[in-house]
Amino acid sequence: MILKPIRTRKIYEQIVDQIGQLVAQGQLKPGDRLPSE
């Protein structure tokens, strides 16, 4: 049996996922401005 180490997802990857989902759902549309840093 080959077991692979568990990897914790990086914070920035979770942010990317959330913004990507907002685009996919149409809550963020082309031309929309993201909030400031």
PDB file of all heavy atoms in Angstrom:
ATOM      1  N   MET A   1       0.857  -1.205   0.000  1.00  0.00           N
ATOM      2  CA  MET A   1       0.000   0.000   0.000  1.00  0.00           C
ATOM      3  C   MET A   1       0.889   1.249   0.000  1.00  0.00           C
ATOM      4  O   MET A   1       1.795   1.357   0.827  1.00  0.00           O
ATOM      5  CB  MET A   1      -0.897   0.008   1.247  1.00  0.00           C
ATOM      6  CG  MET A   1      -1.823   1.214   1.308  1.00  0.00           C
ATOM      7  SD  MET A   1      -2.756   1.275   2.849  1.00  0.00           S
ATOM      8  CE  MET A   1      -3.686  -0.219   2.744  1.00  0.00           C
ATOM      9  N   ILE A   2       0.619   2.168  -0.937  1.00  0.00           N
ATOM     10  CA  ILE A   2       1.385   3.412  -1.007  1.00  0.00           C
ATOM     11  C   ILE A   2       0.509   4.555  -0.516  1.00  0.00           C
ATOM     12  O   ILE A   2      -0.549   4.826  -1.078  1.00  0.00           O
ATOM     13  CB  ILE A   2       1.840   3.693  -2.451  1.00  0.00           C
ATOM     14  CG1 ILE A   2       2.733   2.539  -2.940  1.00  0.00           C
ATOM     15  CG2 ILE A   2       2.594   5.010  -2.523  1.00  0.00           C
ATOM     16  CD1 ILE A   2       3.134   2.660  -4.389  1.00  0.00           C
ATOM     17  N   LEU A   3       0.948   5.194   0.551  1.00  0.00           N
ATOM     18  CA  LEU A   3       0.212   6.318   1.117  1.00  0.00           C
ATOM     19  C   LEU A   3       0.967   7.612   0.829  1.00  0.00           C
ATOM     20  O   LEU A   3       2.188   7.661   0.959  1.00  0.00           O
ATOM     21  CB  LEU A   3       0.049   6.144   2.630  1.00  0.00           C
ATOM     22  CG  LEU A   3      -0.712   4.881   3.070  1.00  0.00           C
ATOM     23  CD1 LEU A   3      -0.735   4.776   4.586  1.00  0.00           C
ATOM     24  CD2 LEU A   3      -2.129   4.906   2.532  1.00  0.00           C
ATOM     25  N   LYS A   4       0.236   8.629   0.441  1.00  0.00           N
ATOM     26  CA  LYS A   4       0.856   9.915   0.130  1.00  0.00           C
ATOM     27  C   LYS A   4       0.605  10.894   1.272  1.00  0.00           C
ATOM     28  O   LYS A   4      -0.422  10.837   1.934  1.00  0.00           O
ATOM     29  CB  LYS A   4       0.279  10.485  -1.174  1.00  0.00           C
ATOM     30  CG  LYS A   4       0.594   9.625  -2.393  1.00  0.00           C
ATOM     31  CD  LYS A   4       0.049  10.263  -3.653  1.00  0.00           C
ATOM     32  CE  LYS A   4       0.382   9.403  -4.874  1.00  0.00           C
ATOM     33  NZ  LYS A   4      -0.146   9.999  -6.120  1.00  0.00           N
ATOM     34  N   PRO A   5       1.555  11.803   1.509  1.00  0.00           N
ATOM     35  CA  PRO A   5       1.374  12.766   2.595  1.00  0.00           C
ATOM     36  C   PRO A   5       0.173  13.674   2.367  1.00  0.00           C
ATOM     37  O   PRO A   5      -0.172  13.978   1.224  1.00  0.00           O
ATOM     38  CB  PRO A   5       2.675  13.578   2.575  1.00  0.00           C
ATOM     39  CG  PRO A   5       3.448  13.131   1.403  1.00  0.00           C
ATOM     40  CD  PRO A   5       2.785  11.962   0.783  1.00  0.00           C
ATOM     41  N   ILE A   6      -0.469  14.068   3.444  1.00  0.00           N
ATOM     42  CA  ILE A   6      -1.592  15.002   3.374  1.00  0.00           C
ATOM     43  C   ILE A   6      -1.045  16.410   3.215  1.00  0.00           C
ATOM     44  O   ILE A   6      -0.164  16.840   3.964  1.00  0.00           O
ATOM     45  CB  ILE A   6      -2.453  14.938   4.664  1.00  0.00           C
ATOM     46  CG1 ILE A   6      -2.964  13.508   4.885  1.00  0.00           C
ATOM     47  CG2 ILE A   6      -3.598  15.934   4.586  1.00  0.00           C
ATOM     48  CD1 ILE A   6      -3.870  13.008   3.799  1.00  0.00           C
ATOM     49  N   ARG A   7      -1.547  17.115   2.240  1.00  0.00           N
ATOM     50  CA  ARG A   7      -1.069  18.475   2.001  1.00  0.00           C
ATOM     51  C   ARG A   7      -2.158  19.487   2.366  1.00  0.00           C
ATOM     52  O   ARG A   7      -3.279  19.377   1.900  1.00  0.00           O
ATOM     53  CB  ARG A   7      -0.671  18.655   0.532  1.00  0.00           C
ATOM     54  CG  ARG A   7       0.567  17.865   0.144  1.00  0.00           C
ATOM     55  CD  ARG A   7       0.964  18.177  -1.296  1.00  0.00           C
ATOM     56  NE  ARG A   7       2.233  17.555  -1.644  1.00  0.00           N
ATOM     57  CZ  ARG A   7       2.352  16.305  -2.060  1.00  0.00           C
ATOM     58  NH1 ARG A   7       1.289  15.541  -2.181  1.00  0.00           N
ATOM     59  NH2 ARG A   7       3.546  15.811  -2.358  1.00  0.00           N
ATOM     60  N   THR A   8      -1.784  20.442   3.201  1.00  0.00           N
ATOM     61  CA  THR A   8      -2.711  21.521   3.559  1.00  0.00           C
ATOM     62  C   THR A   8      -2.715  22.542   2.438  1.00  0.00           C
ATOM     63  O   THR A   8      -1.658  22.961   1.972  1.00  0.00           O
ATOM     64  CB  THR A   8      -2.272  22.208   4.861  1.00  0.00           C
ATOM     65  OG1 THR A   8      -2.182  21.217   5.889  1.00  0.00           O
ATOM     66  CG2 THR A   8      -3.265  23.279   5.276  1.00  0.00           C
ATOM     67  N   ARG A   9      -3.873  22.931   1.983  1.00  0.00           N
ATOM     68  CA  ARG A   9      -3.957  23.897   0.893  1.00  0.00           C
ATOM     69  C   ARG A   9      -3.492  25.262   1.368  1.00  0.00           C
ATOM     70  O   ARG A   9      -3.792  25.699   2.468  1.00  0.00           O
ATOM     71  CB  ARG A   9      -5.400  23.994   0.389  1.00  0.00           C
ATOM     72  CG  ARG A   9      -5.897  22.706  -0.223  1.00  0.00           C
ATOM     73  CD  ARG A   9      -7.188  22.953  -0.967  1.00  0.00           C
ATOM     74  NE  ARG A   9      -6.963  23.783  -2.138  1.00  0.00           N
ATOM     75  CZ  ARG A   9      -7.932  24.483  -2.736  1.00  0.00           C
ATOM     76  NH1 ARG A   9      -9.144  24.471  -2.268  1.00  0.00           N
ATOM     77  NH2 ARG A   9      -7.674  25.199  -3.809  1.00  0.00           N
ATOM     78  N   LYS A  10      -2.753  25.936   0.505  1.00  0.00           N
ATOM     79  CA  LYS A  10      -2.259  27.261   0.837  1.00  0.00           C
ATOM     80  C   LYS A  10      -3.418  28.258   0.849  1.00  0.00           C
ATOM     81  O   LYS A  10      -4.403  28.095   0.143  1.00  0.00           O
ATOM     82  CB  LYS A  10      -1.185  27.684  -0.165  1.00  0.00           C
ATOM     83  CG  LYS A  10       0.067  26.809  -0.089  1.00  0.00           C
ATOM     84  CD  LYS A  10       1.096  27.228  -1.131  1.00  0.00           C
ATOM     85  CE  LYS A  10       2.328  26.345  -1.046  1.00  0.00           C
ATOM     86  NZ  LYS A  10       3.333  26.683  -2.075  1.00  0.00           N
ATOM     87  N   ILE A  11      -3.247  29.301   1.641  1.00  0.00           N
ATOM     88  CA  ILE A  11      -4.313  30.300   1.799  1.00  0.00           C
ATOM     89  C   ILE A  11      -4.652  30.956   0.468  1.00  0.00           C
ATOM     90  O   ILE A  11      -5.824  31.124   0.111  1.00  0.00           O
ATOM     91  CB  ILE A  11      -3.901  31.361   2.847  1.00  0.00           C
ATOM     92  CG1 ILE A  11      -3.846  30.717   4.236  1.00  0.00           C
ATOM     93  CG2 ILE A  11      -4.874  32.539   2.837  1.00  0.00           C
ATOM     94  CD1 ILE A  11      -3.263  31.607   5.304  1.00  0.00           C
ATOM     95  N   TYR A  12      -3.621  31.307  -0.315  1.00  0.00           N
ATOM     96  CA  TYR A  12      -3.896  32.015  -1.562  1.00  0.00           C
ATOM     97  C   TYR A  12      -4.707  31.149  -2.528  1.00  0.00           C
ATOM     98  O   TYR A  12      -5.511  31.663  -3.310  1.00  0.00           O
ATOM     99  CB  TYR A  12      -2.599  32.516  -2.205  1.00  0.00           C
ATOM    100  CG  TYR A  12      -1.880  31.518  -3.080  1.00  0.00           C
ATOM    101  CD1 TYR A  12      -2.188  31.418  -4.445  1.00  0.00           C
ATOM    102  CD2 TYR A  12      -0.893  30.677  -2.569  1.00  0.00           C
ATOM    103  CE1 TYR A  12      -1.541  30.517  -5.261  1.00  0.00           C
ATOM    104  CE2 TYR A  12      -0.237  29.780  -3.381  1.00  0.00           C
ATOM    105  CZ  TYR A  12      -0.555  29.701  -4.716  1.00  0.00           C
ATOM    106  OH  TYR A  12       0.091  28.805  -5.527  1.00  0.00           O
ATOM    107  N   GLU A  13      -4.513  29.808  -2.482  1.00  0.00           N
ATOM    108  CA  GLU A  13      -5.275  28.913  -3.347  1.00  0.00           C
ATOM    109  C   GLU A  13      -6.761  28.948  -2.998  1.00  0.00           C
ATOM    110  O   GLU A  13      -7.621  28.867  -3.886  1.00  0.00           O
ATOM    111  CB  GLU A  13      -4.744  27.489  -3.236  1.00  0.00           C
ATOM    112  CG  GLU A  13      -3.341  27.314  -3.819  1.00  0.00           C
ATOM    113  CD  GLU A  13      -2.796  25.918  -3.604  1.00  0.00           C
ATOM    114  OE1 GLU A  13      -3.280  25.216  -2.693  1.00  0.00           O
ATOM    115  OE2 GLU A  13      -1.877  25.520  -4.350  1.00  0.00           O
ATOM    116  N   GLN A  14      -7.074  29.067  -1.708  1.00  0.00           N
ATOM    117  CA  GLN A  14      -8.466  29.150  -1.278  1.00  0.00           C
ATOM    118  C   GLN A  14      -9.097  30.465  -1.732  1.00  0.00           C
ATOM    119  O   GLN A  14     -10.275  30.511  -2.103  1.00  0.00           O
ATOM    120  CB  GLN A  14      -8.544  29.016   0.248  1.00  0.00           C
ATOM    121  CG  GLN A  14      -8.030  27.665   0.752  1.00  0.00           C
ATOM    122  CD  GLN A  14      -8.048  27.574   2.266  1.00  0.00           C
ATOM    123  OE1 GLN A  14      -9.078  27.810   2.888  1.00  0.00           O
ATOM    124  NE2 GLN A  14      -6.909  27.235   2.862  1.00  0.00           N
ATOM    125  N   ILE A  15      -8.295  31.533  -1.719  1.00  0.00           N
ATOM    126  CA  ILE A  15      -8.786  32.830  -2.203  1.00  0.00           C
ATOM    127  C   ILE A  15      -9.077  32.754  -3.704  1.00  0.00           C
ATOM    128  O   ILE A  15     -10.120  33.222  -4.177  1.00  0.00           O
ATOM    129  CB  ILE A  15      -7.749  33.943  -1.913  1.00  0.00           C
ATOM    130  CG1 ILE A  15      -7.539  34.102  -0.403  1.00  0.00           C
ATOM    131  CG2 ILE A  15      -8.202  35.275  -2.529  1.00  0.00           C
ATOM    132  CD1 ILE A  15      -6.363  34.987  -0.034  1.00  0.00           C
ATOM    133  N   VAL A  16      -8.154  32.148  -4.437  1.00  0.00           N
ATOM    134  CA  VAL A  16      -8.335  31.972  -5.884  1.00  0.00           C
ATOM    135  C   VAL A  16      -9.612  31.191  -6.163  1.00  0.00           C
ATOM    136  O   VAL A  16     -10.397  31.543  -7.051  1.00  0.00           O
ATOM    137  CB  VAL A  16      -7.112  31.253  -6.498  1.00  0.00           C
ATOM    138  CG1 VAL A  16      -7.411  30.798  -7.928  1.00  0.00           C
ATOM    139  CG2 VAL A  16      -5.894  32.166  -6.484  1.00  0.00           C
ATOM    140  N   ASP A  17      -9.848  30.115  -5.391  1.00  0.00           N
ATOM    141  CA  ASP A  17     -11.052  29.299  -5.568  1.00  0.00           C
ATOM    142  C   ASP A  17     -12.320  30.123  -5.355  1.00  0.00           C
ATOM    143  O   ASP A  17     -13.278  30.035  -6.128  1.00  0.00           O
ATOM    144  CB  ASP A  17     -11.044  28.122  -4.589  1.00  0.00           C
ATOM    145  CG  ASP A  17     -10.300  26.919  -5.150  1.00  0.00           C
ATOM    146  OD1 ASP A  17      -9.837  27.006  -6.297  1.00  0.00           O
ATOM    147  OD2 ASP A  17     -10.185  25.911  -4.444  1.00  0.00           O
ATOM    148  N   GLN A  18     -12.330  30.918  -4.293  1.00  0.00           N
ATOM    149  CA  GLN A  18     -13.531  31.713  -3.978  1.00  0.00           C
ATOM    150  C   GLN A  18     -13.833  32.719  -5.079  1.00  0.00           C
ATOM    151  O   GLN A  18     -14.986  32.865  -5.505  1.00  0.00           O
ATOM    152  CB  GLN A  18     -13.347  32.436  -2.640  1.00  0.00           C
ATOM    153  CG  GLN A  18     -13.509  31.534  -1.424  1.00  0.00           C
ATOM    154  CD  GLN A  18     -13.794  32.344  -0.165  1.00  0.00           C
ATOM    155  OE1 GLN A  18     -14.628  33.252  -0.176  1.00  0.00           O
ATOM    156  NE2 GLN A  18     -13.105  32.002   0.914  1.00  0.00           N
ATOM    157  N   ILE A  19     -12.798  33.416  -5.545  1.00  0.00           N
ATOM    158  CA  ILE A  19     -13.015  34.409  -6.603  1.00  0.00           C
ATOM    159  C   ILE A  19     -13.422  33.716  -7.901  1.00  0.00           C
ATOM    160  O   ILE A  19     -14.320  34.174  -8.619  1.00  0.00           O
ATOM    161  CB  ILE A  19     -11.754  35.273  -6.798  1.00  0.00           C
ATOM    162  CG1 ILE A  19     -11.537  36.140  -5.550  1.00  0.00           C
ATOM    163  CG2 ILE A  19     -11.880  36.153  -8.043  1.00  0.00           C
ATOM    164  CD1 ILE A  19     -10.273  36.963  -5.555  1.00  0.00           C
ATOM    165  N   GLY A  20     -12.798  32.578  -8.192  1.00  0.00           N
ATOM    166  CA  GLY A  20     -13.161  31.812  -9.384  1.00  0.00           C
ATOM    167  C   GLY A  20     -14.610  31.361  -9.349  1.00  0.00           C
ATOM    168  O   GLY A  20     -15.311  31.398 -10.367  1.00  0.00           O
ATOM    169  N   GLN A  21     -15.078  30.945  -8.176  1.00  0.00           N
ATOM    170  CA  GLN A  21     -16.467  30.508  -8.042  1.00  0.00           C
ATOM    171  C   GLN A  21     -17.429  31.673  -8.232  1.00  0.00           C
ATOM    172  O   GLN A  21     -18.494  31.511  -8.842  1.00  0.00           O
ATOM    173  CB  GLN A  21     -16.673  29.877  -6.671  1.00  0.00           C
ATOM    174  CG  GLN A  21     -16.057  28.483  -6.533  1.00  0.00           C
ATOM    175  CD  GLN A  21     -16.123  27.968  -5.116  1.00  0.00           C
ATOM    176  OE1 GLN A  21     -16.898  28.452  -4.284  1.00  0.00           O
ATOM    177  NE2 GLN A  21     -15.293  26.967  -4.803  1.00  0.00           N
ATOM    178  N   LEU A  22     -17.058  32.856  -7.744  1.00  0.00           N
ATOM    179  CA  LEU A  22     -17.908  34.040  -7.919  1.00  0.00           C
ATOM    180  C   LEU A  22     -18.044  34.396  -9.402  1.00  0.00           C
ATOM    181  O   LEU A  22     -19.108  34.809  -9.857  1.00  0.00           O
ATOM    182  CB  LEU A  22     -17.339  35.225  -7.138  1.00  0.00           C
ATOM    183  CG  LEU A  22     -17.420  35.123  -5.606  1.00  0.00           C
ATOM    184  CD1 LEU A  22     -16.667  36.280  -4.958  1.00  0.00           C
ATOM    185  CD2 LEU A  22     -18.871  35.108  -5.134  1.00  0.00           C
ATOM    186  N   VAL A  23     -16.944  34.216 -10.145  1.00  0.00           N
ATOM    187  CA  VAL A  23     -16.982  34.470 -11.597  1.00  0.00           C
ATOM    188  C   VAL A  23     -17.863  33.433 -12.285  1.00  0.00           C
ATOM    189  O   VAL A  23     -18.705  33.752 -13.122  1.00  0.00           O
ATOM    190  CB  VAL A  23     -15.557  34.461 -12.191  1.00  0.00           C
ATOM    191  CG1 VAL A  23     -15.618  34.538 -13.720  1.00  0.00           C
ATOM    192  CG2 VAL A  23     -14.736  35.622 -11.635  1.00  0.00           C
ATOM    193  N   ALA A  24     -17.667  32.156 -11.907  1.00  0.00           N
ATOM    194  CA  ALA A  24     -18.444  31.068 -12.515  1.00  0.00           C
ATOM    195  C   ALA A  24     -19.933  31.224 -12.248  1.00  0.00           C
ATOM    196  O   ALA A  24     -20.770  30.889 -13.091  1.00  0.00           O
ATOM    197  CB  ALA A  24     -17.952  29.725 -11.988  1.00  0.00           C
ATOM    198  N   GLN A  25     -20.280  31.729 -11.066  1.00  0.00           N
ATOM    199  CA  GLN A  25     -21.684  31.903 -10.694  1.00  0.00           C
ATOM    200  C   GLN A  25     -22.295  33.188 -11.248  1.00  0.00           C
ATOM    201  O   GLN A  25     -23.503  33.414 -11.123  1.00  0.00           O
ATOM    202  CB  GLN A  25     -21.805  31.905  -9.165  1.00  0.00           C
ATOM    203  CG  GLN A  25     -21.466  30.570  -8.516  1.00  0.00           C
ATOM    204  CD  GLN A  25     -21.214  30.692  -7.021  1.00  0.00           C
ATOM    205  OE1 GLN A  25     -21.363  31.772  -6.426  1.00  0.00           O
ATOM    206  NE2 GLN A  25     -20.809  29.596  -6.403  1.00  0.00           N
ATOM    207  N   GLY A  26     -21.461  34.037 -11.858  1.00  0.00           N
ATOM    208  CA  GLY A  26     -21.962  35.279 -12.436  1.00  0.00           C
ATOM    209  C   GLY A  26     -22.072  36.422 -11.453  1.00  0.00           C
ATOM    210  O   GLY A  26     -22.565  37.501 -11.804  1.00  0.00           O
ATOM    211  N   GLN A  27     -21.592  36.217 -10.224  1.00  0.00           N
ATOM    212  CA  GLN A  27     -21.632  37.300  -9.237  1.00  0.00           C
ATOM    213  C   GLN A  27     -20.541  38.336  -9.512  1.00  0.00           C
ATOM    214  O   GLN A  27     -20.658  39.487  -9.119  1.00  0.00           O
ATOM    215  CB  GLN A  27     -21.493  36.739  -7.823  1.00  0.00           C
ATOM    216  CG  GLN A  27     -22.666  35.853  -7.420  1.00  0.00           C
ATOM    217  CD  GLN A  27     -22.553  35.379  -5.978  1.00  0.00           C
ATOM    218  OE1 GLN A  27     -22.337  36.170  -5.067  1.00  0.00           O
ATOM    219  NE2 GLN A  27     -22.698  34.071  -5.783  1.00  0.00           N
ATOM    220  N   LEU A  28     -19.471  37.885 -10.171  1.00  0.00           N
ATOM    221  CA  LEU A  28     -18.448  38.797 -10.688  1.00  0.00           C
ATOM    222  C   LEU A  28     -18.451  38.648 -12.198  1.00  0.00           C
ATOM    223  O   LEU A  28     -18.343  37.539 -12.720  1.00  0.00           O
ATOM    224  CB  LEU A  28     -17.066  38.452 -10.114  1.00  0.00           C
ATOM    225  CG  LEU A  28     -16.763  38.901  -8.690  1.00  0.00           C
ATOM    226  CD1 LEU A  28     -15.411  38.346  -8.229  1.00  0.00           C
ATOM    227  CD2 LEU A  28     -16.757  40.429  -8.579  1.00  0.00           C
ATOM    228  N   LYS A  29     -18.571  39.762 -12.902  1.00  0.00           N
ATOM    229  CA  LYS A  29     -18.676  39.724 -14.360  1.00  0.00           C
ATOM    230  C   LYS A  29     -17.493  40.446 -15.006  1.00  0.00           C
ATOM    231  O   LYS A  29     -16.839  41.272 -14.351  1.00  0.00           O
ATOM    232  CB  LYS A  29     -19.984  40.375 -14.811  1.00  0.00           C
ATOM    233  CG  LYS A  29     -21.234  39.663 -14.292  1.00  0.00           C
ATOM    234  CD  LYS A  29     -22.487  40.376 -14.758  1.00  0.00           C
ATOM    235  CE  LYS A  29     -23.748  39.628 -14.331  1.00  0.00           C
ATOM    236  NZ  LYS A  29     -23.866  39.541 -12.849  1.00  0.00           N
ATOM    237  N   PRO A  30     -17.206  40.142 -16.291  1.00  0.00           N
ATOM    238  CA  PRO A  30     -16.134  40.855 -16.995  1.00  0.00           C
ATOM    239  C   PRO A  30     -16.315  42.364 -16.887  1.00  0.00           C
ATOM    240  O   PRO A  30     -17.409  42.887 -17.108  1.00  0.00           O
ATOM    241  CB  PRO A  30     -16.294  40.385 -18.449  1.00  0.00           C
ATOM    242  CG  PRO A  30     -16.902  39.024 -18.324  1.00  0.00           C
ATOM    243  CD  PRO A  30     -17.831  39.107 -17.146  1.00  0.00           C
ATOM    244  N   GLY A  31     -15.232  43.054 -16.505  1.00  0.00           N
ATOM    245  CA  GLY A  31     -15.285  44.501 -16.333  1.00  0.00           C
ATOM    246  C   GLY A  31     -15.504  44.936 -14.904  1.00  0.00           C
ATOM    247  O   GLY A  31     -15.261  46.106 -14.559  1.00  0.00           O
ATOM    248  N   ASP A  32     -15.974  44.017 -14.040  1.00  0.00           N
ATOM    249  CA  ASP A  32     -16.159  44.354 -12.625  1.00  0.00           C
ATOM    250  C   ASP A  32     -14.807  44.596 -11.962  1.00  0.00           C
ATOM    251  O   ASP A  32     -13.827  43.899 -12.245  1.00  0.00           O
ATOM    252  CB  ASP A  32     -16.888  43.242 -11.873  1.00  0.00           C
ATOM    253  CG  ASP A  32     -18.374  43.194 -12.194  1.00  0.00           C
ATOM    254  OD1 ASP A  32     -18.853  44.106 -12.901  1.00  0.00           O
ATOM    255  OD2 ASP A  32     -19.046  42.242 -11.751  1.00  0.00           O
ATOM    256  N   ARG A  33     -14.781  45.568 -11.060  1.00  0.00           N
ATOM    257  CA  ARG A  33     -13.554  45.898 -10.331  1.00  0.00           C
ATOM    258  C   ARG A  33     -13.538  45.164  -8.996  1.00  0.00           C
ATOM    259  O   ARG A  33     -14.529  45.166  -8.261  1.00  0.00           O
ATOM    260  CB  ARG A  33     -13.484  47.405 -10.091  1.00  0.00           C
ATOM    261  CG  ARG A  33     -12.184  47.901  -9.472  1.00  0.00           C
ATOM    262  CD  ARG A  33     -12.222  49.427  -9.340  1.00  0.00           C
ATOM    263  NE  ARG A  33     -10.978  49.952  -8.835  1.00  0.00           N
ATOM    264  CZ  ARG A  33     -10.659  50.037  -7.539  1.00  0.00           C
ATOM    265  NH1 ARG A  33     -11.536  49.615  -6.626  1.00  0.00           N
ATOM    266  NH2 ARG A  33      -9.494  50.530  -7.155  1.00  0.00           N
ATOM    267  N   LEU A  34     -12.413  44.509  -8.707  1.00  0.00           N
ATOM    268  CA  LEU A  34     -12.269  43.845  -7.412  1.00  0.00           C
ATOM    269  C   LEU A  34     -12.036  44.878  -6.319  1.00  0.00           C
ATOM    270  O   LEU A  34     -11.514  45.969  -6.587  1.00  0.00           O
ATOM    271  CB  LEU A  34     -11.084  42.876  -7.439  1.00  0.00           C
ATOM    272  CG  LEU A  34     -11.248  41.550  -8.166  1.00  0.00           C
ATOM    273  CD1 LEU A  34      -9.963  40.730  -8.030  1.00  0.00           C
ATOM    274  CD2 LEU A  34     -12.413  40.751  -7.627  1.00  0.00           C
ATOM    275  N   PRO A  35     -12.404  44.566  -5.088  1.00  0.00           N
ATOM    276  CA  PRO A  35     -12.082  45.462  -3.977  1.00  0.00           C
ATOM    277  C   PRO A  35     -10.575  45.699  -3.890  1.00  0.00           C
ATOM    278  O   PRO A  35      -9.785  44.904  -4.401  1.00  0.00           O
ATOM    279  CB  PRO A  35     -12.592  44.699  -2.746  1.00  0.00           C
ATOM    280  CG  PRO A  35     -13.630  43.767  -3.284  1.00  0.00           C
ATOM    281  CD  PRO A  35     -13.164  43.386  -4.656  1.00  0.00           C
ATOM    282  N   SER A  36     -10.180  46.771  -3.222  1.00  0.00           N
ATOM    283  CA  SER A  36      -8.756  47.082  -3.072  1.00  0.00           C
ATOM    284  C   SER A  36      -8.054  46.011  -2.240  1.00  0.00           C
ATOM    285  O   SER A  36      -8.695  45.192  -1.576  1.00  0.00           O
ATOM    286  CB  SER A  36      -8.576  48.440  -2.394  1.00  0.00           C
ATOM    287  OG  SER A  36      -9.029  48.347  -1.045  1.00  0.00           O
ATOM    288  N   GLU A  37      -6.744  46.023  -2.279  1.00  0.00           N
ATOM    289  CA  GLU A  37      -5.965  45.052  -1.509  1.00  0.00           C
ATOM    290  C   GLU A  37      -6.322  45.125  -0.026  1.00  0.00           C
ATOM    291  O   GLU A  37      -6.482  44.095   0.636  1.00  0.00           O
ATOM    292  CB  GLU A  37      -4.469  45.332  -1.709  1.00  0.00           C
ATOM    293  CG  GLU A  37      -3.562  44.325  -1.032  1.00  0.00           C
ATOM    294  CD  GLU A  37      -2.097  44.626  -1.265  1.00  0.00           C
ATOM    295  OE1 GLU A  37      -1.618  44.428  -2.399  1.00  0.00           O
ATOM    296  OE2 GLU A  37      -1.437  45.074  -0.296  1.00  0.00           O
TER     297      GLU A  37
END
